[in-house]
Protein backbone atom coordinates (compact mmCIF):
# COMPACT_ATOMS: atom_id res chain seq x y z
CA MET A 1 -1.10 7.65 23.50
CA LEU A 2 -3.77 9.53 21.56
CA LEU A 3 -6.24 6.67 21.68
CA GLU A 4 -6.10 6.69 25.46
CA LYS A 5 -6.62 10.44 25.40
CA LEU A 6 -9.71 9.97 23.23
CA ARG A 7 -11.15 7.29 25.46
CA ALA A 8 -10.53 9.37 28.57
CA ILE A 9 -12.54 12.34 27.28
CA ASP A 10 -15.51 13.00 29.53
CA PHE A 11 -17.87 14.64 27.05
CA GLU A 12 -20.20 16.21 29.61
CA ASN A 13 -17.32 17.54 31.64
CA ILE A 14 -15.47 19.03 28.67
CA VAL A 15 -18.57 20.60 27.13
CA GLY A 16 -19.73 21.92 30.46
CA GLN A 17 -22.96 21.93 32.40
CA ALA A 18 -26.25 22.50 30.61
CA ALA A 19 -27.01 26.22 30.41
CA LYS A 20 -30.72 25.53 29.95
CA LYS A 21 -32.92 22.57 30.75
CA ALA A 22 -33.28 21.53 27.11
CA ASP A 23 -29.49 21.14 26.88
CA GLU A 24 -29.55 18.09 29.13
CA GLN A 25 -31.32 15.96 26.52
CA ILE A 26 -29.21 17.39 23.69
CA ILE A 27 -26.02 16.42 25.53
CA ALA A 28 -27.45 12.94 26.11
CA ASP A 29 -28.31 12.67 22.40
CA TRP A 30 -24.77 13.63 21.41
CA ARG A 31 -23.28 11.16 23.87
CA SER A 32 -25.37 8.38 22.27
CA THR A 33 -23.60 8.93 18.94
CA GLY A 34 -20.26 8.19 20.55
CA VAL A 35 -18.72 11.08 18.60
CA LYS A 36 -15.53 12.37 20.22
CA PHE A 37 -12.40 13.97 18.84
CA ALA A 38 -8.84 14.18 20.17
CA ALA A 39 -5.81 15.84 18.63
CA SER A 40 -2.12 16.13 19.38
CA SER A 41 -2.76 19.87 19.24
CA GLU A 42 -4.67 21.13 22.25
CA ARG A 43 -5.58 24.19 20.21
CA LEU A 44 -7.62 22.32 17.59
CA GLN A 45 -9.19 20.02 20.17
CA SER A 46 -10.20 23.00 22.28
CA VAL A 47 -11.81 24.71 19.30
CA TYR A 48 -13.75 21.52 18.56
CA TYR A 49 -15.38 21.33 21.98
CA ALA A 50 -15.84 25.10 22.22
CA GLY A 51 -17.85 24.78 19.01
CA ILE A 52 -20.07 22.11 20.51
CA ARG A 53 -20.68 24.32 23.55
CA LYS A 54 -21.72 27.17 21.27
CA LEU A 55 -23.86 24.81 19.19
CA LEU A 56 -25.97 24.22 22.29
CA ASP A 57 -26.72 27.96 22.30
CA CYS A 58 -28.09 27.60 18.76
CA ILE A 59 -30.61 24.92 19.74
CA VAL A 60 -33.79 26.13 21.43
CA PRO A 61 -37.23 24.69 22.21
CA ASN A 62 -39.94 25.65 19.72
CA HIS A 63 -43.58 26.41 20.55
CA LYS A 64 -44.14 22.67 21.13
CA GLU A 65 -41.03 22.36 23.32
CA HIS A 66 -39.25 20.39 20.59
CA PRO A 67 -35.57 21.31 20.07
CA VAL A 68 -34.91 23.19 16.82
CA LEU A 69 -31.78 24.65 15.29
CA GLN A 70 -31.30 28.41 15.03
CA GLU A 71 -28.97 30.19 12.62
CA GLY A 72 -27.21 31.82 15.55
CA GLY A 73 -25.25 35.02 16.04
CA ALA A 74 -27.04 38.04 14.62
CA TYR A 75 -29.74 35.77 13.20
CA ALA A 76 -32.39 34.88 15.75
CA GLY A 77 -34.42 32.30 13.89
CA CYS A 78 -34.45 29.43 11.46
CA TRP A 79 -33.84 30.24 7.76
CA LEU A 80 -34.95 28.02 4.88
CA GLU A 81 -31.80 28.68 2.81
CA SER A 82 -29.51 27.39 5.53
CA THR A 83 -30.80 26.40 8.98
CA GLY A 84 -33.65 24.35 7.55
CA THR A 85 -31.63 22.70 4.79
CA ILE A 86 -27.83 22.36 4.67
CA ASN A 87 -27.31 23.15 8.38
CA ALA A 88 -29.90 20.57 9.41
CA GLU A 89 -28.50 18.10 6.89
CA LEU A 90 -25.08 18.26 8.56
CA LEU A 91 -26.54 18.28 12.05
CA SER A 92 -28.45 15.11 11.20
CA ARG A 93 -25.20 13.14 11.57
CA PHE A 94 -24.84 14.34 15.16
CA LEU A 95 -28.26 15.35 16.52
CA PRO A 96 -30.92 13.88 14.22
CA ARG A 97 -33.80 14.62 16.60
CA VAL A 98 -33.06 18.35 16.33
CA SER A 99 -32.85 18.17 12.53
CA HIS A 100 -36.16 16.29 12.43
CA SER A 101 -37.97 19.01 14.39
CA THR A 102 -36.31 21.75 12.36
CA TYR A 103 -37.48 20.33 9.02
CA LEU A 104 -41.04 19.92 10.27
CA LEU A 105 -41.25 23.60 11.24
CA PHE A 106 -41.35 24.57 7.58
CA ALA A 107 -44.17 22.15 6.79
CA GLU A 108 -46.12 23.24 9.85
CA PHE A 109 -45.97 26.94 8.99
CA GLN A 110 -46.60 26.57 5.26
CA ARG A 111 -49.12 29.16 4.13
CA GLU A 112 -52.48 28.11 2.73
CA ASP A 113 -51.45 29.08 -0.78
CA GLY A 114 -48.38 26.80 -0.57
CA LEU A 115 -45.65 29.32 0.24
CA ILE A 116 -43.10 27.99 2.75
CA PRO A 117 -41.76 30.66 5.13
CA TYR A 118 -38.26 31.88 4.42
CA LYS A 119 -37.64 32.10 8.16
CA ILE A 120 -39.29 31.26 11.46
CA THR A 121 -38.50 33.24 14.60
CA ALA A 122 -39.91 33.59 18.09
CA VAL A 123 -42.58 35.95 16.73
CA GLY A 124 -43.67 33.47 14.06
CA PRO A 125 -43.13 32.69 10.35
CA ALA A 126 -42.15 35.29 7.73
CA TYR A 127 -43.05 35.16 4.03
CA ARG A 128 -41.73 38.33 2.35
CA GLN A 129 -39.17 36.49 0.17
CA ILE A 130 -38.37 32.90 -0.83
CA GLN A 131 -34.63 32.74 0.08
CA MET A 132 -33.75 29.27 -1.26
CA VAL A 133 -30.29 27.78 -1.83
CA THR A 134 -29.81 24.12 -0.83
CA PRO A 135 -32.73 21.97 -2.06
CA LEU A 136 -34.95 21.06 0.87
CA ALA A 137 -35.91 17.74 -0.73
CA ARG A 138 -32.28 16.56 -0.83
CA SER A 139 -31.76 17.39 2.83
CA VAL A 140 -35.02 15.70 3.82
CA TRP A 141 -34.22 12.60 1.74
CA ASN A 142 -30.75 12.19 3.24
CA HIS A 143 -32.13 12.64 6.76
CA TYR A 144 -34.77 10.00 6.05
CA LEU A 145 -32.22 7.48 4.75
CA MET A 146 -29.85 7.95 7.67
CA ASN A 147 -32.31 8.03 10.54
CA GLY A 148 -34.75 5.16 10.54
CA ARG A 149 -36.78 5.81 7.39
CA ASP A 150 -39.75 7.50 9.08
CA ALA A 151 -42.44 7.28 6.39
CA SER A 152 -44.87 9.63 8.14
CA PHE A 153 -42.17 12.32 8.30
CA LEU A 154 -41.27 11.79 4.64
CA ARG A 155 -44.89 11.97 3.50
CA ARG A 156 -45.59 15.17 5.40
CA MET A 157 -42.54 16.86 3.95
CA TYR A 158 -43.34 15.53 0.46
CA GLN A 159 -46.81 17.04 0.56
CA ALA A 160 -45.45 20.40 1.75
CA MET A 161 -42.71 20.49 -0.89
CA SER A 162 -45.15 19.53 -3.65
CA ARG A 163 -47.42 22.42 -2.73
CA PHE A 164 -44.45 24.79 -2.62
CA ASP A 165 -43.44 23.70 -6.12
CA ASP A 166 -46.93 24.64 -7.31
CA TRP A 167 -46.56 28.06 -5.67
CA LEU A 168 -43.26 28.72 -7.42
CA VAL A 169 -44.74 27.79 -10.80
CA ARG A 170 -47.69 30.10 -10.17
CA TYR A 171 -45.82 33.18 -8.94
CA ARG A 172 -42.15 32.92 -9.95
CA ASN A 173 -42.44 32.17 -13.67
CA THR A 174 -43.92 35.46 -14.87
CA ARG A 175 -41.79 35.51 -18.03
CA ARG A 176 -42.92 31.98 -18.93
CA THR A 177 -39.39 30.69 -19.43
CA GLY A 178 -39.51 27.78 -16.99
CA CYS A 179 -36.81 29.45 -14.86
CA VAL A 180 -37.42 30.50 -11.27
CA GLU A 181 -37.31 34.28 -10.98
CA ALA A 182 -35.59 36.43 -8.36
CA PHE A 183 -37.64 39.46 -7.33
CA CYS A 184 -35.17 40.87 -4.80
CA THR A 185 -31.71 40.48 -3.24
CA PHE A 186 -32.92 38.47 -0.30
CA ASP A 187 -34.53 35.81 -2.49
CA THR A 188 -31.07 34.25 -2.68
CA GLY A 189 -29.65 35.64 0.59
CA HIS A 190 -26.98 37.57 -1.32
CA ASP A 191 -26.67 40.60 0.94
CA LEU A 192 -24.40 43.31 -0.55
CA SER A 193 -23.54 41.21 -3.60
CA PRO A 194 -22.88 43.23 -6.80
CA ARG A 195 -25.17 40.68 -8.40
CA PHE A 196 -28.08 42.67 -6.98
CA TRP A 197 -26.83 46.22 -7.11
CA HIS A 198 -29.78 48.51 -7.97
CA VAL A 199 -32.27 45.79 -7.00
CA PRO A 200 -34.43 46.15 -3.85
CA ASP A 201 -33.45 43.94 -0.93
CA THR A 202 -37.03 42.76 -0.41
CA ALA A 203 -40.01 41.94 -2.60
CA HIS A 204 -42.47 44.69 -3.55
CA LEU A 205 -44.70 45.65 -0.63
CA ASN A 206 -43.05 42.77 1.30
CA ASP A 207 -45.13 40.36 -0.80
CA ALA A 208 -43.13 37.44 -2.22
CA ARG A 209 -45.56 37.29 -5.16
CA LEU A 210 -44.58 40.77 -6.40
CA TYR A 211 -41.53 42.57 -7.79
CA SER A 212 -41.01 46.31 -8.02
CA PRO A 213 -42.86 47.77 -11.01
CA GLU A 214 -40.39 50.66 -10.89
CA SER A 215 -37.36 48.47 -11.59
CA PRO A 216 -36.03 48.55 -15.17
CA ILE A 217 -34.34 45.15 -14.78
CA LEU A 218 -36.58 42.87 -12.66
CA PRO A 219 -37.44 40.08 -12.58
CA PHE A 220 -34.19 38.14 -13.01
CA LEU A 221 -34.12 34.62 -14.38
CA ALA A 222 -32.03 33.20 -11.53
CA PRO A 223 -29.74 30.23 -12.17
CA ASP A 224 -29.34 29.22 -8.52
CA LEU A 225 -33.09 29.31 -7.86
CA THR A 226 -33.75 27.38 -11.07
CA ALA A 227 -31.08 24.80 -10.21
CA ASN A 228 -32.58 24.46 -6.73
CA VAL A 229 -35.95 23.54 -8.23
CA TYR A 230 -34.33 21.18 -10.74
CA CYS A 231 -32.62 19.27 -7.92
CA GLN A 232 -35.69 19.51 -5.71
CA ARG A 233 -37.79 17.84 -8.38
CA LYS A 234 -35.21 15.05 -8.87
CA TYR A 235 -35.45 14.19 -5.19
CA LEU A 236 -39.23 14.55 -5.13
CA ALA A 237 -39.30 11.80 -7.77
CA LEU A 238 -37.21 9.58 -5.47
CA ILE A 239 -39.45 10.37 -2.53
CA ALA A 240 -42.59 9.66 -4.57
CA ALA A 241 -41.20 6.24 -5.47
CA GLU A 242 -40.28 5.52 -1.86
CA LEU A 243 -43.78 6.44 -0.70
CA GLY A 244 -45.38 4.20 -3.33
CA GLU A 245 -46.91 7.05 -5.29
CA LEU A 246 -48.24 6.33 -8.78
CA ASP A 247 -45.65 5.85 -11.51
CA ALA A 248 -47.23 8.85 -13.22
CA ASP A 249 -46.28 11.05 -10.25
CA GLN A 250 -42.68 9.89 -10.35
CA MET A 251 -42.58 10.48 -14.10
CA ARG A 252 -44.15 13.93 -13.65
CA TRP A 253 -41.42 15.02 -11.23
CA ASN A 254 -38.66 13.74 -13.50
CA GLU A 255 -40.19 15.50 -16.50
CA LYS A 256 -40.49 18.74 -14.54
CA ALA A 257 -36.87 18.39 -13.43
CA GLU A 258 -35.72 18.03 -17.04
CA GLN A 259 -37.75 21.10 -17.99
CA SER A 260 -36.01 23.10 -15.25
CA LEU A 261 -32.60 21.90 -16.43
CA SER A 262 -33.37 22.78 -20.03
CA SER A 263 -34.51 26.29 -19.06
CA LEU A 264 -31.43 26.78 -16.88
CA TYR A 265 -29.07 26.15 -19.79
CA GLN A 266 -31.20 27.97 -22.35
CA TYR A 267 -31.52 31.22 -20.43
CA CYS A 268 -28.83 31.37 -17.71
CA TYR A 269 -25.71 29.72 -19.13
CA ASP A 270 -23.04 31.52 -21.15
CA GLU A 271 -21.17 29.02 -23.32
CA THR A 272 -18.21 31.34 -23.86
CA ASP A 273 -17.64 32.06 -20.18
CA GLU A 274 -18.83 28.58 -19.08
CA MET A 275 -20.64 30.45 -16.32
CA PHE A 276 -24.17 30.78 -15.00
CA TYR A 277 -25.58 34.31 -14.83
CA ASP A 278 -28.90 35.93 -14.05
CA ARG A 279 -30.70 37.25 -17.10
CA ASP A 280 -32.55 40.51 -16.55
CA ARG A 281 -35.90 41.39 -18.07
CA ASN A 282 -34.17 43.08 -21.02
CA GLY A 283 -32.46 39.82 -21.94
CA GLU A 284 -29.04 40.95 -20.67
CA PHE A 285 -26.76 38.70 -18.64
CA VAL A 286 -25.93 40.10 -15.20
CA ARG A 287 -22.23 39.43 -15.61
CA VAL A 288 -21.16 38.97 -12.01
CA GLN A 289 -19.13 35.80 -11.44
CA SER A 290 -20.11 34.70 -7.97
CA ASP A 291 -20.73 31.71 -5.73
CA VAL A 292 -23.86 31.18 -7.83
CA LEU A 293 -21.63 28.79 -9.79
CA LEU A 294 -20.98 26.60 -6.74
CA ARG A 295 -24.65 26.76 -5.75
CA VAL A 296 -25.70 25.47 -9.16
CA LEU A 297 -23.08 22.70 -9.10
CA ALA A 298 -24.12 21.67 -5.58
CA CYS A 299 -27.60 21.15 -7.02
CA GLU A 300 -26.13 18.31 -9.12
CA VAL A 301 -26.29 20.23 -12.39
CA GLY A 302 -23.95 19.01 -15.12
CA ASP A 303 -21.76 15.97 -15.65
CA ARG A 304 -18.19 15.48 -14.45
CA ASN A 305 -16.71 17.09 -17.57
CA ARG A 306 -18.61 20.30 -16.90
CA PHE A 307 -17.70 20.18 -13.23
CA ASP A 308 -14.03 19.65 -14.02
CA ALA A 309 -14.10 22.60 -16.41
CA ALA A 310 -15.62 24.77 -13.66
CA LEU A 311 -12.91 23.62 -11.24
CA LYS A 312 -10.09 24.49 -13.62
CA ARG A 313 -11.45 27.80 -14.83
CA TYR A 314 -13.05 29.11 -11.66
CA LEU A 315 -13.17 27.23 -8.36
CA LEU A 316 -9.49 26.23 -8.28
CA ASN A 317 -8.29 29.38 -10.05
CA THR A 318 -6.35 31.82 -7.86
CA SER A 319 -7.58 34.74 -9.99
CA LYS A 320 -11.18 33.73 -9.39
CA PHE A 321 -12.38 31.95 -6.22
CA PHE A 322 -9.35 29.95 -5.00
CA ALA A 323 -8.05 32.49 -2.48
CA LYS A 324 -5.49 31.64 0.19
CA TYR A 325 -8.57 30.76 2.23
CA PRO A 326 -11.14 29.59 -0.32
CA LEU A 327 -13.80 30.01 -1.65
CA THR A 328 -14.63 33.68 -2.14
CA SER A 329 -18.17 34.87 -2.79
CA ILE A 330 -17.19 36.99 -5.83
CA ALA A 331 -14.41 36.35 -8.34
CA MET A 332 -11.28 38.11 -7.15
CA ASP A 333 -10.53 39.61 -10.56
CA ASP A 334 -13.87 41.46 -10.56
CA PRO A 335 -13.23 45.16 -9.76
CA ARG A 336 -16.30 45.04 -7.51
CA PHE A 337 -14.66 42.40 -5.27
CA ASP A 338 -14.53 43.48 -1.61
CA PRO A 339 -12.62 41.12 0.72
CA SER A 340 -13.84 42.75 3.92
CA SER A 341 -15.33 40.23 6.33
CA ALA A 342 -16.32 42.84 8.91
CA TYR A 343 -19.98 42.84 7.93
CA ASN A 344 -22.64 40.57 6.44
CA SER A 345 -21.44 40.52 2.85
CA TRP A 346 -21.58 38.30 -0.21
CA GLY A 347 -19.47 40.81 -2.13
CA GLY A 348 -16.13 39.06 -1.61
CA PRO A 349 -15.34 37.38 1.73
CA VAL A 350 -15.49 33.67 2.44
CA ASN A 351 -18.87 32.75 3.92
CA PHE A 352 -19.28 29.66 6.05
CA LEU A 353 -22.46 28.84 4.18
CA THR A 354 -20.31 28.44 1.07
CA ILE A 355 -17.90 26.25 3.03
CA ILE A 356 -20.62 23.83 4.12
CA ARG A 357 -22.25 23.73 0.67
CA THR A 358 -18.97 22.82 -1.04
CA ALA A 359 -18.48 19.17 -0.09
CA HIS A 360 -21.53 17.80 -1.90
CA ALA A 361 -20.61 19.55 -5.15
CA PHE A 362 -17.13 18.00 -5.13
CA GLU A 363 -18.01 14.54 -3.81
CA TYR A 364 -20.94 14.14 -6.21
CA HIS A 365 -18.31 13.98 -8.99
CA GLY A 366 -15.70 12.01 -7.05
CA ARG A 367 -13.41 15.03 -6.55
CA TYR A 368 -12.29 14.00 -3.07
CA VAL A 369 -8.67 15.13 -3.32
CA GLU A 370 -9.54 18.53 -4.74
CA LEU A 371 -11.94 19.04 -1.82
CA THR A 372 -9.03 18.59 0.61
CA TRP A 373 -7.34 21.59 -1.02
CA ILE A 374 -10.29 23.62 0.25
CA MET A 375 -10.37 21.90 3.64
CA PHE A 376 -6.69 22.16 4.58
CA PRO A 377 -6.49 25.98 4.66
CA ILE A 378 -9.97 26.34 6.12
CA ILE A 379 -9.17 23.94 8.96
CA SER A 380 -5.99 25.93 9.60
CA ALA A 381 -8.20 29.00 9.98
CA MET A 382 -10.67 27.06 12.10
CA ALA A 383 -7.90 26.15 14.53
CA ARG A 384 -7.63 29.85 15.35
CA MET A 385 -11.35 30.48 15.78
CA THR A 386 -12.73 31.82 19.03
CA ARG A 387 -16.08 33.27 17.96
CA PHE A 388 -17.38 31.10 15.07
CA SER A 389 -18.19 33.96 12.73
CA GLN A 390 -20.23 34.06 9.54
CA THR A 391 -17.32 35.21 7.37
CA LEU A 392 -13.56 34.79 7.00
CA ASN A 393 -11.06 37.14 5.45
CA PRO A 394 -9.87 35.38 2.25
CA TRP A 395 -6.33 36.78 2.65
CA THR A 396 -5.72 36.08 6.37
CA GLY A 397 -8.37 33.58 7.47
CA GLU A 398 -9.32 35.90 10.33
CA GLU A 399 -12.85 35.70 11.69
CA GLY A 400 -15.29 38.39 10.62
CA TYR A 401 -18.92 39.28 11.14
CA THR A 402 -21.00 38.02 14.10
CA ASP A 403 -20.39 35.00 16.37
CA THR A 404 -21.92 31.71 17.54
CA TYR A 405 -23.01 31.18 13.95
CA SER A 406 -24.25 27.62 13.46
CA PRO A 407 -22.95 27.20 9.87
CA ALA A 408 -19.43 27.97 11.15
CA ILE A 409 -19.79 25.49 14.00
CA LEU A 410 -21.25 22.80 11.75
CA GLY A 411 -18.61 23.54 9.11
CA MET A 412 -15.91 22.84 11.67
CA LEU A 413 -17.57 19.60 12.80
CA ASP A 414 -18.13 18.51 9.20
CA TYR A 415 -14.63 19.26 7.90
CA ILE A 416 -12.90 17.55 10.80
CA GLU A 417 -15.07 14.47 10.36
CA ARG A 418 -14.54 14.39 6.58
CA LEU A 419 -10.79 14.91 6.79
CA CYS A 420 -9.83 12.68 9.70
CA GLY A 421 -12.97 11.16 11.17
CA ILE A 422 -15.76 8.66 10.58
CA VAL A 423 -18.56 9.82 8.28
CA PRO A 424 -21.86 7.91 8.00
CA THR A 425 -23.43 8.40 4.55
CA PRO A 426 -26.97 8.06 3.17
CA ASP A 427 -25.67 5.09 1.15
CA VAL A 428 -25.34 3.15 4.43
CA GLU A 429 -21.56 3.39 4.27
CA LEU A 430 -18.94 4.54 6.73
CA TRP A 431 -15.95 6.56 5.57
CA PHE A 432 -12.74 6.24 7.60
CA THR A 433 -10.39 8.90 6.21
CA GLY A 434 -6.67 8.58 6.89
CA LEU A 435 -5.53 12.21 6.77
CA VAL A 436 -4.49 14.80 9.33
CA PRO A 437 -4.72 18.61 9.03
CA TYR A 438 -1.78 20.15 7.18
CA PRO A 439 0.18 23.06 8.71
CA MET A 440 -0.69 25.66 6.06
CA ASP A 441 -0.07 28.76 8.20
CA HIS A 442 3.56 29.67 9.05
CA GLY A 443 4.33 25.98 9.56
CA GLU A 444 2.37 26.01 12.81
CA GLU A 445 1.02 22.61 13.82
CA VAL A 446 -2.71 22.14 13.44
CA ALA A 447 -2.61 18.49 14.50
CA GLU A 448 0.05 15.95 13.60
CA GLU A 449 -2.08 13.15 14.99
CA THR A 450 -5.84 12.79 15.48
CA ALA A 451 -8.28 10.31 16.97
CA TYR A 452 -12.02 10.09 16.38
CA SER A 453 -14.83 7.85 17.56
CA ARG A 454 -18.41 7.18 16.49
CA THR A 455 -20.95 4.52 17.51
CA VAL A 456 -23.03 3.04 14.68
CA GLY A 457 -25.66 0.36 15.21
CA GLY A 458 -24.32 -0.37 18.68
CA ILE A 459 -20.75 -0.86 17.41
CA GLU A 460 -18.09 1.52 18.69
CA PHE A 461 -15.58 2.53 16.02
CA GLU A 462 -12.37 4.46 16.68
CA LEU A 463 -9.94 5.89 14.13
CA VAL A 464 -6.39 6.98 14.98
CA ASN A 465 -4.41 8.85 12.32
CA THR A 466 -0.71 9.66 12.15
CA ARG A 467 1.35 10.81 9.18
CA GLN A 468 2.47 7.23 8.67
CA ARG A 469 -0.70 5.17 9.04
CA SER A 470 -4.29 4.91 10.23
CA THR A 471 -5.64 2.33 12.64
CA VAL A 472 -9.32 1.52 13.07
CA TYR A 473 -10.74 -0.16 16.15
CA ARG A 474 -14.07 -1.95 16.45
CA ASN A 475 -15.36 -2.39 19.99
CA GLY A 476 -11.85 -1.81 21.26
CA GLU A 477 -10.05 -4.25 18.94
CA VAL A 478 -7.93 -3.42 15.90
CA PHE A 479 -9.61 -4.63 12.72
CA LEU A 480 -8.22 -2.36 10.00
CA ARG A 481 -4.90 -0.65 9.25
CA LEU A 482 -4.33 1.71 6.31
CA PRO A 483 -1.38 3.63 4.87
CA TYR A 484 -1.64 7.40 5.28
CA GLY A 485 -3.67 9.09 2.55
CA VAL A 486 -6.33 6.41 2.06
CA ARG A 487 -10.05 6.48 2.80
CA ALA A 488 -11.63 3.15 3.69
CA VAL A 489 -15.29 2.60 2.82
CA THR A 490 -17.12 -0.01 4.90
CA ASN A 491 -20.64 -1.03 5.74
CA HIS A 492 -22.07 -0.38 9.19
CA LYS A 493 -20.51 -3.59 10.48
CA GLY A 494 -17.06 -2.46 9.41
CA GLU A 495 -16.79 -4.89 6.50
CA LEU A 496 -14.46 -3.40 3.92
CA ILE A 497 -16.08 -2.41 0.61
CA ALA A 498 -13.62 -0.07 -1.10
CA ILE A 499 -10.69 2.32 -0.73
CA ILE A 500 -10.18 5.80 -2.19
CA GLY A 501 -6.89 7.62 -2.76
CA MET A 502 -6.95 10.93 -0.88
CA LEU A 503 -3.59 12.45 -1.84
CA ALA A 504 -2.37 14.19 -4.98
CA SER A 505 0.54 11.71 -4.96
CA GLU A 506 0.30 7.95 -5.37
CA VAL A 507 0.03 5.94 -2.15
CA GLU A 508 1.71 2.57 -1.73
CA GLY A 509 1.44 0.35 1.30
CA THR A 510 -0.22 -2.52 3.09
CA ILE A 511 -3.86 -2.68 4.15
CA GLN A 512 -4.49 -5.09 7.00
CA HIS A 513 -8.10 -6.15 7.45
CA GLU A 514 -9.58 -9.01 9.43
CA GLY A 515 -6.26 -10.89 9.55
CA LYS A 516 -5.44 -10.45 5.85
CA ASP A 517 -2.78 -8.26 4.21
CA TYR A 518 -3.33 -6.48 0.90
CA GLU A 519 -0.49 -4.73 -0.91
CA VAL A 520 -1.99 -1.71 -2.66
CA THR A 521 -1.02 1.19 -4.88
CA ILE A 522 -3.68 3.85 -5.32
CA LYS A 523 -3.75 7.23 -7.06
CA GLY A 524 -5.59 10.38 -6.04
CA ASN A 525 -9.38 10.02 -6.47
CA GLU A 526 -8.97 6.42 -7.60
CA ARG A 527 -11.62 4.11 -6.16
CA LYS A 528 -10.82 0.43 -5.76
CA VAL A 529 -13.35 -2.14 -4.58
CA LEU A 530 -12.53 -5.32 -2.73
CA VAL A 531 -13.37 -8.30 -4.93
CA GLY A 532 -12.46 -11.62 -3.40
CA GLU A 533 -8.82 -11.41 -2.35
CA SER A 534 -7.83 -8.26 -4.24
CA PHE A 535 -8.72 -4.63 -4.89
CA VAL A 536 -10.00 -3.81 -8.37
CA THR A 537 -10.09 -0.30 -9.84
CA MET A 538 -13.65 0.89 -10.46
CA SER A 539 -12.85 4.51 -11.33
CA ASP A 540 -9.67 6.48 -11.92
CA ILE A 541 -10.53 10.05 -12.92
CA GLY A 542 -7.18 11.71 -12.19
CA LEU A 543 -6.82 15.19 -10.74
CA VAL A 544 -7.85 18.69 -11.74
CA THR A 545 -4.94 20.91 -10.74
CA PRO A 546 -5.15 24.59 -9.75
CA ALA A 547 -4.95 27.40 -12.30
CA TYR A 548 -3.75 30.97 -12.00
CA ARG A 549 -5.33 32.97 -14.84
């Protein structure tokens, strides 16, 4: 029985002995979360624990002997665009102490003029570019909500991010448009992307305040950088309110956010293409359709109608980004598209940083089912991983450049937990998702049954999924049963709040909870809340299906 297999897992034994002294506490921290995973497929289960072993290699003591996350592989250090934001945001569900220390590094090494380092390595901080993607304020806010609401941590980060906002206004708005400007390729981390052909990789004289005076096209008005600051300012307003700042400060951040949003659409959005592009200094759009679109959407830009249009036309379009293993970094119908994953490239292959940035963009608009169409093939590829590379080949799913790359490891942990595990959310909810990985590749089993555990507030929860049903245990006792293809939303005590349909087809069946039976029918993406003795539909947005041209 899979539940017995889950309970029998000796985490320390399966992960192995600590390779360095700091690993002992990290292993103890992981054990305290109660997170374990078992699968009917030994292959997927083995990949899961191999990933955790490699994750330990990506966590090192900093100069104060506090554990911090490293990017891993060929990247010896902590990068703002990834390690210090989206990577740490995901890690916060598993090892919050490491995420906490990682965030604080960027505040500690902030330069006197307000510039936050783009990376921090063993030799110290580096400042030659800005390299921003996921908004730091969102990651910090979610970490704060999920891990004890440490006001001193929040205030320190708020002060650092406020000063950085001032720096960006001072040095990255030279054209006075209200957009954030890209001075070089590495400002967005888009190595080898056609977006930045004929643009220097680094800022002029390695000074993030300068762009090359010899360039006929710089600076770019950059949609992803502008969207980052828009979202950053939205969350800074939330943080200001939480910290009891003056109403005027909260209003100031919201007004600045709206200004960023207005500039983004005025200068970087093409209505005909429904696409965000850089605009060069000559007023020309840099017409490269790239993962910039997903980056902007992940910054909570646009309503559901705009997001759905982007899904249909681009993200779920097999001529654009919806490859056999999605999502590509450049539209596949662009003649500059290069699928090679053998090197560090944003010119075509699937990047694991894209994979881990995807979920928020979809879930923010309630597109849970459509997200599974990304997760199913990627998890099939993950089941074959041995190195945890930065890139995947979009045709074959084979691993590419480098290894022991923390975004790949965290992507695997995140997708397994979202698809068939127990996800704690910043909204103080728990998601129990009743799906199992689908055999996308040659009909080979990924896992026909799964089991997952997590301890929350001293309560041990366990979820067992088969293709017929899901069973949830609380402190060893069954308290919830679901038909396959349903996500249950509870509070931290396990009290049922809502259900969500997770399949493209309609699901019918019986939900058993706390001794009561509920006959339910639920459609894909439909959300029903429990009101009294029945489930009531709160939203029913339908599906956005794939396109081909």
